[in-house]
Structures are given as structure tokens and as C-alpha cells.
Amino acid sequence: LQMNSLKPEDTAVYYCAASTQFWGTRQA
């Protein structure tokens, strides 16, 4: 994940996740 022009509101813990679905869109 390349992040440019970062803003204070981008401050967070960033998580990577993997889905077995070809196109998963929900956290579940």
C-alpha cells in the first residue's frame, strides 16, 4: 500500500487481510 500526500487523519493502525473469495468486499 503506497500512501502519498499523507494527512493527519490518515493516522491509524493499518491491517492487511486475505480473502478466499475472488472478490471479497466485506470484513467478514
Full PDB file with SEQRES, HELIX, SHEET, SSBOND, CRYST1, ORIGX, SCALE, CONECT and MASTER records, all heavy atoms in Angstrom:
SEQRES   1 A   28  LEU GLN MET ASN SER LEU LYS PRO GLU ASP THR ALA VAL          
SEQRES   2 A   28  TYR TYR CYS ALA ALA SER THR GLN PHE TRP GLY THR ARG          
SEQRES   3 A   28  GLN ALA                                                      
HELIX    1 AA1 PRO A    8  ASP A   10  5                                   3    
CRYST1    1.000    1.000    1.000  90.00  90.00  90.00 P 1           1          
ORIGX1      1.000000  0.000000  0.000000        0.00000                         
ORIGX2      0.000000  1.000000  0.000000        0.00000                         
ORIGX3      0.000000  0.000000  1.000000        0.00000                         
SCALE1      1.000000  0.000000  0.000000        0.00000                         
SCALE2      0.000000  1.000000  0.000000        0.00000                         
SCALE3      0.000000  0.000000  1.000000        0.00000                         
ATOM      1  N   LEU A   1       0.857  -1.169   0.000  1.00  0.00           N  
ATOM      2  CA  LEU A   1       0.000   0.000   0.000  1.00  0.00           C  
ATOM      3  C   LEU A   1       0.898   1.226   0.000  1.00  0.00           C  
ATOM      4  O   LEU A   1       1.553   1.518   0.998  1.00  0.00           O  
ATOM      5  CB  LEU A   1      -0.932   0.026   1.208  1.00  0.00           C  
ATOM      6  CG  LEU A   1      -1.890   1.218   1.262  1.00  0.00           C  
ATOM      7  CD1 LEU A   1      -2.920   1.121   0.134  1.00  0.00           C  
ATOM      8  CD2 LEU A   1      -2.592   1.309   2.615  1.00  0.00           C  
ATOM      9  N   GLN A   2       0.933   1.922  -1.131  1.00  0.00           N  
ATOM     10  CA  GLN A   2       1.675   3.166  -1.246  1.00  0.00           C  
ATOM     11  C   GLN A   2       0.746   4.314  -0.884  1.00  0.00           C  
ATOM     12  O   GLN A   2      -0.322   4.465  -1.477  1.00  0.00           O  
ATOM     13  CB  GLN A   2       2.205   3.347  -2.670  1.00  0.00           C  
ATOM     14  CG  GLN A   2       2.936   4.657  -2.915  1.00  0.00           C  
ATOM     15  CD  GLN A   2       4.279   4.713  -2.236  1.00  0.00           C  
ATOM     16  OE1 GLN A   2       5.003   3.726  -2.206  1.00  0.00           O  
ATOM     17  NE2 GLN A   2       4.617   5.869  -1.681  1.00  0.00           N  
ATOM     18  N   MET A   3       1.141   5.119   0.086  1.00  0.00           N  
ATOM     19  CA  MET A   3       0.352   6.253   0.529  1.00  0.00           C  
ATOM     20  C   MET A   3       1.145   7.527   0.313  1.00  0.00           C  
ATOM     21  O   MET A   3       2.256   7.672   0.830  1.00  0.00           O  
ATOM     22  CB  MET A   3      -0.025   6.119   2.002  1.00  0.00           C  
ATOM     23  CG  MET A   3      -0.969   4.961   2.305  1.00  0.00           C  
ATOM     24  SD  MET A   3      -2.687   5.356   1.875  1.00  0.00           S  
ATOM     25  CE  MET A   3      -3.085   6.576   3.111  1.00  0.00           C  
ATOM     26  N   ASN A   4       0.586   8.450  -0.449  1.00  0.00           N  
ATOM     27  CA  ASN A   4       1.202   9.737  -0.724  1.00  0.00           C  
ATOM     28  C   ASN A   4       0.345  10.862  -0.169  1.00  0.00           C  
ATOM     29  O   ASN A   4      -0.829  10.671   0.148  1.00  0.00           O  
ATOM     30  CB  ASN A   4       1.397   9.932  -2.233  1.00  0.00           C  
ATOM     31  CG  ASN A   4       2.249   8.860  -2.864  1.00  0.00           C  
ATOM     32  OD1 ASN A   4       3.226   8.399  -2.276  1.00  0.00           O  
ATOM     33  ND2 ASN A   4       1.895   8.463  -4.083  1.00  0.00           N  
ATOM     34  N   SER A   5       0.933  12.045  -0.087  1.00  0.00           N  
ATOM     35  CA  SER A   5       0.212  13.226   0.406  1.00  0.00           C  
ATOM     36  C   SER A   5      -0.531  12.920   1.688  1.00  0.00           C  
ATOM     37  O   SER A   5      -1.722  13.218   1.835  1.00  0.00           O  
ATOM     38  CB  SER A   5      -0.753  13.738  -0.674  1.00  0.00           C  
ATOM     39  OG  SER A   5      -0.065  14.068  -1.865  1.00  0.00           O  
ATOM     40  N   LEU A   6       0.169  12.337   2.623  1.00  0.00           N  
ATOM     41  CA  LEU A   6      -0.459  11.891   3.858  1.00  0.00           C  
ATOM     42  C   LEU A   6      -1.001  13.056   4.673  1.00  0.00           C  
ATOM     43  O   LEU A   6      -0.421  14.144   4.698  1.00  0.00           O  
ATOM     44  CB  LEU A   6       0.535  11.088   4.689  1.00  0.00           C  
ATOM     45  CG  LEU A   6       0.793   9.671   4.172  1.00  0.00           C  
ATOM     46  CD1 LEU A   6       2.081   9.116   4.754  1.00  0.00           C  
ATOM     47  CD2 LEU A   6      -0.386   8.767   4.502  1.00  0.00           C  
ATOM     48  N   LYS A   7      -2.119  12.799   5.332  1.00  0.00           N  
ATOM     49  CA  LYS A   7      -2.800  13.777   6.160  1.00  0.00           C  
ATOM     50  C   LYS A   7      -2.876  13.267   7.590  1.00  0.00           C  
ATOM     51  O   LYS A   7      -2.837  12.060   7.819  1.00  0.00           O  
ATOM     52  CB  LYS A   7      -4.219  14.021   5.638  1.00  0.00           C  
ATOM     53  CG  LYS A   7      -4.301  14.422   4.178  1.00  0.00           C  
ATOM     54  CD  LYS A   7      -5.752  14.509   3.723  1.00  0.00           C  
ATOM     55  CE  LYS A   7      -5.854  14.896   2.267  1.00  0.00           C  
ATOM     56  NZ  LYS A   7      -7.268  14.965   1.815  1.00  0.00           N  
ATOM     57  N   PRO A   8      -3.002  14.168   8.575  1.00  0.00           N  
ATOM     58  CA  PRO A   8      -3.136  13.712   9.964  1.00  0.00           C  
ATOM     59  C   PRO A   8      -4.283  12.722  10.157  1.00  0.00           C  
ATOM     60  O   PRO A   8      -4.174  11.814  10.989  1.00  0.00           O  
ATOM     61  CB  PRO A   8      -3.383  15.011  10.736  1.00  0.00           C  
ATOM     62  CG  PRO A   8      -2.667  16.044   9.936  1.00  0.00           C  
ATOM     63  CD  PRO A   8      -2.884  15.636   8.497  1.00  0.00           C  
ATOM     64  N   GLU A   9      -5.365  12.859   9.400  1.00  0.00           N  
ATOM     65  CA  GLU A   9      -6.484  11.951   9.524  1.00  0.00           C  
ATOM     66  C   GLU A   9      -6.191  10.547   8.991  1.00  0.00           C  
ATOM     67  O   GLU A   9      -7.008   9.640   9.150  1.00  0.00           O  
ATOM     68  CB  GLU A   9      -7.743  12.512   8.834  1.00  0.00           C  
ATOM     69  CG  GLU A   9      -7.502  13.016   7.429  1.00  0.00           C  
ATOM     70  CD  GLU A   9      -7.287  14.519   7.378  1.00  0.00           C  
ATOM     71  OE1 GLU A   9      -6.502  15.038   8.196  1.00  0.00           O  
ATOM     72  OE2 GLU A   9      -7.908  15.178   6.519  1.00  0.00           O  
ATOM     73  N   ASP A  10      -5.038  10.356   8.357  1.00  0.00           N  
ATOM     74  CA  ASP A  10      -4.606   9.025   7.949  1.00  0.00           C  
ATOM     75  C   ASP A  10      -3.994   8.244   9.107  1.00  0.00           C  
ATOM     76  O   ASP A  10      -3.705   7.052   8.954  1.00  0.00           O  
ATOM     77  CB  ASP A  10      -3.596   9.102   6.810  1.00  0.00           C  
ATOM     78  CG  ASP A  10      -4.199   9.633   5.519  1.00  0.00           C  
ATOM     79  OD1 ASP A  10      -5.341   9.255   5.186  1.00  0.00           O  
ATOM     80  OD2 ASP A  10      -3.514  10.423   4.836  1.00  0.00           O  
ATOM     81  N   THR A  11      -3.775   8.899  10.228  1.00  0.00           N  
ATOM     82  CA  THR A  11      -3.193   8.242  11.390  1.00  0.00           C  
ATOM     83  C   THR A  11      -4.090   7.108  11.859  1.00  0.00           C  
ATOM     84  O   THR A  11      -5.269   7.309  12.151  1.00  0.00           O  
ATOM     85  CB  THR A  11      -2.978   9.244  12.525  1.00  0.00           C  
ATOM     86  OG1 THR A  11      -2.019  10.224  12.127  1.00  0.00           O  
ATOM     87  CG2 THR A  11      -2.478   8.546  13.783  1.00  0.00           C  
ATOM     88  N   ALA A  12      -3.539   5.903  11.929  1.00  0.00           N  
ATOM     89  CA  ALA A  12      -4.305   4.720  12.308  1.00  0.00           C  
ATOM     90  C   ALA A  12      -3.379   3.520  12.344  1.00  0.00           C  
ATOM     91  O   ALA A  12      -2.230   3.581  11.899  1.00  0.00           O  
ATOM     92  CB  ALA A  12      -5.445   4.468  11.313  1.00  0.00           C  
ATOM     93  N   VAL A  13      -3.898   2.420  12.876  1.00  0.00           N  
ATOM     94  CA  VAL A  13      -3.245   1.132  12.719  1.00  0.00           C  
ATOM     95  C   VAL A  13      -3.753   0.533  11.419  1.00  0.00           C  
ATOM     96  O   VAL A  13      -4.966   0.428  11.207  1.00  0.00           O  
ATOM     97  CB  VAL A  13      -3.537   0.188  13.895  1.00  0.00           C  
ATOM     98  CG1 VAL A  13      -2.909  -1.185  13.649  1.00  0.00           C  
ATOM     99  CG2 VAL A  13      -3.014   0.780  15.195  1.00  0.00           C  
ATOM    100  N   TYR A  14      -2.846   0.149  10.544  1.00  0.00           N  
ATOM    101  CA  TYR A  14      -3.200  -0.400   9.240  1.00  0.00           C  
ATOM    102  C   TYR A  14      -3.050  -1.914   9.258  1.00  0.00           C  
ATOM    103  O   TYR A  14      -2.017  -2.442   9.675  1.00  0.00           O  
ATOM    104  CB  TYR A  14      -2.317   0.205   8.152  1.00  0.00           C  
ATOM    105  CG  TYR A  14      -2.720   1.607   7.783  1.00  0.00           C  
ATOM    106  CD1 TYR A  14      -2.525   2.662   8.673  1.00  0.00           C  
ATOM    107  CD2 TYR A  14      -3.315   1.888   6.549  1.00  0.00           C  
ATOM    108  CE1 TYR A  14      -2.914   3.948   8.351  1.00  0.00           C  
ATOM    109  CE2 TYR A  14      -3.700   3.176   6.224  1.00  0.00           C  
ATOM    110  CZ  TYR A  14      -3.499   4.201   7.122  1.00  0.00           C  
ATOM    111  OH  TYR A  14      -3.885   5.479   6.797  1.00  0.00           O  
ATOM    112  N   TYR A  15      -4.093  -2.609   8.793  1.00  0.00           N  
ATOM    113  CA  TYR A  15      -4.134  -4.061   8.791  1.00  0.00           C  
ATOM    114  C   TYR A  15      -4.215  -4.601   7.373  1.00  0.00           C  
ATOM    115  O   TYR A  15      -4.969  -4.085   6.549  1.00  0.00           O  
ATOM    116  CB  TYR A  15      -5.351  -4.573   9.563  1.00  0.00           C  
ATOM    117  CG  TYR A  15      -5.368  -4.218  11.028  1.00  0.00           C  
ATOM    118  CD1 TYR A  15      -5.969  -3.046  11.466  1.00  0.00           C  
ATOM    119  CD2 TYR A  15      -4.793  -5.056  11.969  1.00  0.00           C  
ATOM    120  CE1 TYR A  15      -5.995  -2.719  12.811  1.00  0.00           C  
ATOM    121  CE2 TYR A  15      -4.814  -4.738  13.313  1.00  0.00           C  
ATOM    122  CZ  TYR A  15      -5.414  -3.572  13.731  1.00  0.00           C  
ATOM    123  OH  TYR A  15      -5.446  -3.247  15.063  1.00  0.00           O  
ATOM    124  N   CYS A  16      -3.470  -5.642   7.114  1.00  0.00           N  
ATOM    125  CA  CYS A  16      -3.565  -6.400   5.881  1.00  0.00           C  
ATOM    126  C   CYS A  16      -4.476  -7.597   6.114  1.00  0.00           C  
ATOM    127  O   CYS A  16      -4.461  -8.191   7.198  1.00  0.00           O  
ATOM    128  CB  CYS A  16      -2.172  -6.862   5.451  1.00  0.00           C  
ATOM    129  SG  CYS A  16      -2.117  -7.899   3.986  1.00  0.00           S  
ATOM    130  N   ALA A  17      -5.281  -7.960   5.114  1.00  0.00           N  
ATOM    131  CA  ALA A  17      -6.191  -9.083   5.249  1.00  0.00           C  
ATOM    132  C   ALA A  17      -6.306  -9.844   3.932  1.00  0.00           C  
ATOM    133  O   ALA A  17      -6.131  -9.274   2.860  1.00  0.00           O  
ATOM    134  CB  ALA A  17      -7.581  -8.598   5.693  1.00  0.00           C  
ATOM    135  N   ALA A  18      -6.610 -11.143   4.037  1.00  0.00           N  
ATOM    136  CA  ALA A  18      -6.732 -12.015   2.875  1.00  0.00           C  
ATOM    137  C   ALA A  18      -8.083 -12.708   2.873  1.00  0.00           C  
ATOM    138  O   ALA A  18      -8.562 -13.163   3.918  1.00  0.00           O  
ATOM    139  CB  ALA A  18      -5.617 -13.051   2.865  1.00  0.00           C  
ATOM    140  N   SER A  19      -8.684 -12.799   1.681  1.00  0.00           N  
ATOM    141  CA  SER A  19      -9.961 -13.470   1.490  1.00  0.00           C  
ATOM    142  C   SER A  19      -9.822 -14.591   0.477  1.00  0.00           C  
ATOM    143  O   SER A  19      -9.112 -14.443  -0.520  1.00  0.00           O  
ATOM    144  CB  SER A  19     -11.027 -12.477   1.011  1.00  0.00           C  
ATOM    145  OG  SER A  19     -12.237 -13.132   0.694  1.00  0.00           O  
ATOM    146  N   THR A  20     -10.504 -15.698   0.710  1.00  0.00           N  
ATOM    147  CA  THR A  20     -10.518 -16.798  -0.241  1.00  0.00           C  
ATOM    148  C   THR A  20     -11.511 -16.548  -1.371  1.00  0.00           C  
ATOM    149  O   THR A  20     -11.515 -17.282  -2.352  1.00  0.00           O  
ATOM    150  CB  THR A  20     -10.863 -18.124   0.439  1.00  0.00           C  
ATOM    151  OG1 THR A  20     -12.147 -18.030   1.067  1.00  0.00           O  
ATOM    152  CG2 THR A  20      -9.820 -18.480   1.490  1.00  0.00           C  
ATOM    153  N   GLN A  21     -12.346 -15.525  -1.259  1.00  0.00           N  
ATOM    154  CA  GLN A  21     -13.284 -15.179  -2.310  1.00  0.00           C  
ATOM    155  C   GLN A  21     -12.583 -14.414  -3.424  1.00  0.00           C  
ATOM    156  O   GLN A  21     -11.659 -13.645  -3.168  1.00  0.00           O  
ATOM    157  CB  GLN A  21     -14.439 -14.348  -1.756  1.00  0.00           C  
ATOM    158  CG  GLN A  21     -15.254 -15.061  -0.704  1.00  0.00           C  
ATOM    159  CD  GLN A  21     -16.457 -14.259  -0.247  1.00  0.00           C  
ATOM    160  OE1 GLN A  21     -16.976 -13.423  -0.985  1.00  0.00           O  
ATOM    161  NE2 GLN A  21     -16.901 -14.512   0.968  1.00  0.00           N  
ATOM    162  N   PHE A  22     -13.025 -14.632  -4.657  1.00  0.00           N  
ATOM    163  CA  PHE A  22     -12.401 -13.943  -5.786  1.00  0.00           C  
ATOM    164  C   PHE A  22     -12.576 -12.438  -5.694  1.00  0.00           C  
ATOM    165  O   PHE A  22     -11.723 -11.676  -6.157  1.00  0.00           O  
ATOM    166  CB  PHE A  22     -12.962 -14.465  -7.106  1.00  0.00           C  
ATOM    167  CG  PHE A  22     -12.260 -15.684  -7.611  1.00  0.00           C  
ATOM    168  CD1 PHE A  22     -12.746 -16.953  -7.343  1.00  0.00           C  
ATOM    169  CD2 PHE A  22     -11.091 -15.569  -8.347  1.00  0.00           C  
ATOM    170  CE1 PHE A  22     -12.088 -18.085  -7.791  1.00  0.00           C  
ATOM    171  CE2 PHE A  22     -10.419 -16.695  -8.804  1.00  0.00           C  
ATOM    172  CZ  PHE A  22     -10.926 -17.950  -8.526  1.00  0.00           C  
ATOM    173  N   TRP A  23     -13.675 -11.989  -5.112  1.00  0.00           N  
ATOM    174  CA  TRP A  23     -13.883 -10.571  -4.891  1.00  0.00           C  
ATOM    175  C   TRP A  23     -14.624 -10.369  -3.576  1.00  0.00           C  
ATOM    176  O   TRP A  23     -15.846 -10.239  -3.532  1.00  0.00           O  
ATOM    177  CB  TRP A  23     -14.623  -9.901  -6.052  1.00  0.00           C  
ATOM    178  CG  TRP A  23     -14.645  -8.399  -5.940  1.00  0.00           C  
ATOM    179  CD1 TRP A  23     -15.732  -7.598  -5.833  1.00  0.00           C  
ATOM    180  CD2 TRP A  23     -13.507  -7.528  -5.912  1.00  0.00           C  
ATOM    181  NE1 TRP A  23     -15.350  -6.276  -5.740  1.00  0.00           N  
ATOM    182  CE2 TRP A  23     -13.992  -6.206  -5.789  1.00  0.00           C  
ATOM    183  CE3 TRP A  23     -12.118  -7.733  -5.978  1.00  0.00           C  
ATOM    184  CZ2 TRP A  23     -13.141  -5.098  -5.723  1.00  0.00           C  
ATOM    185  CZ3 TRP A  23     -11.273  -6.634  -5.900  1.00  0.00           C  
ATOM    186  CH2 TRP A  23     -11.783  -5.338  -5.785  1.00  0.00           C  
ATOM    187  N   GLY A  24     -13.866 -10.384  -2.502  1.00  0.00           N  
ATOM    188  CA  GLY A  24     -14.415 -10.112  -1.199  1.00  0.00           C  
ATOM    189  C   GLY A  24     -14.429  -8.617  -0.953  1.00  0.00           C  
ATOM    190  O   GLY A  24     -13.491  -7.904  -1.324  1.00  0.00           O  
ATOM    191  N   THR A  25     -15.487  -8.118  -0.337  1.00  0.00           N  
ATOM    192  CA  THR A  25     -15.615  -6.687  -0.089  1.00  0.00           C  
ATOM    193  C   THR A  25     -15.964  -6.353   1.349  1.00  0.00           C  
ATOM    194  O   THR A  25     -15.790  -5.213   1.771  1.00  0.00           O  
ATOM    195  CB  THR A  25     -16.679  -6.063  -1.000  1.00  0.00           C  
ATOM    196  OG1 THR A  25     -17.940  -6.712  -0.790  1.00  0.00           O  
ATOM    197  CG2 THR A  25     -16.279  -6.213  -2.470  1.00  0.00           C  
ATOM    198  N   ARG A  26     -16.470  -7.315   2.100  1.00  0.00           N  
ATOM    199  CA  ARG A  26     -16.849  -7.098   3.481  1.00  0.00           C  
ATOM    200  C   ARG A  26     -15.762  -7.630   4.409  1.00  0.00           C  
ATOM    201  O   ARG A  26     -15.046  -8.565   4.071  1.00  0.00           O  
ATOM    202  CB  ARG A  26     -18.175  -7.796   3.794  1.00  0.00           C  
ATOM    203  CG  ARG A  26     -19.328  -7.404   2.893  1.00  0.00           C  
ATOM    204  CD  ARG A  26     -20.516  -8.330   3.118  1.00  0.00           C  
ATOM    205  NE  ARG A  26     -20.169  -9.716   2.827  1.00  0.00           N  
ATOM    206  CZ  ARG A  26     -20.965 -10.753   3.063  1.00  0.00           C  
ATOM    207  NH1 ARG A  26     -22.154 -10.564   3.613  1.00  0.00           N  
ATOM    208  NH2 ARG A  26     -20.563 -11.984   2.754  1.00  0.00           N  
ATOM    209  N   GLN A  27     -15.649  -7.033   5.595  1.00  0.00           N  
ATOM    210  CA  GLN A  27     -14.657  -7.502   6.546  1.00  0.00           C  
ATOM    211  C   GLN A  27     -14.869  -8.966   6.894  1.00  0.00           C  
ATOM    212  O   GLN A  27     -13.904  -9.703   7.109  1.00  0.00           O  
ATOM    213  CB  GLN A  27     -14.681  -6.646   7.817  1.00  0.00           C  
ATOM    214  CG  GLN A  27     -14.212  -5.219   7.594  1.00  0.00           C  
ATOM    215  CD  GLN A  27     -13.938  -4.482   8.883  1.00  0.00           C  
ATOM    216  OE1 GLN A  27     -13.457  -5.072   9.859  1.00  0.00           O  
ATOM    217  NE2 GLN A  27     -14.210  -3.189   8.890  1.00  0.00           N  
ATOM    218  N   ALA A  28     -16.129  -9.412   6.905  1.00  0.00           N  
ATOM    219  CA  ALA A  28     -16.437 -10.799   7.206  1.00  0.00           C  
ATOM    220  C   ALA A  28     -15.936 -11.751   6.128  1.00  0.00           C  
ATOM    221  O   ALA A  28     -15.816 -12.955   6.373  1.00  0.00           O  
ATOM    222  CB  ALA A  28     -17.945 -10.974   7.399  1.00  0.00           C  
TER     223      ALA A  28                                                      
MASTER        0    0    0    1    0    0    0    6  222    1    0    3          
END                                                                             
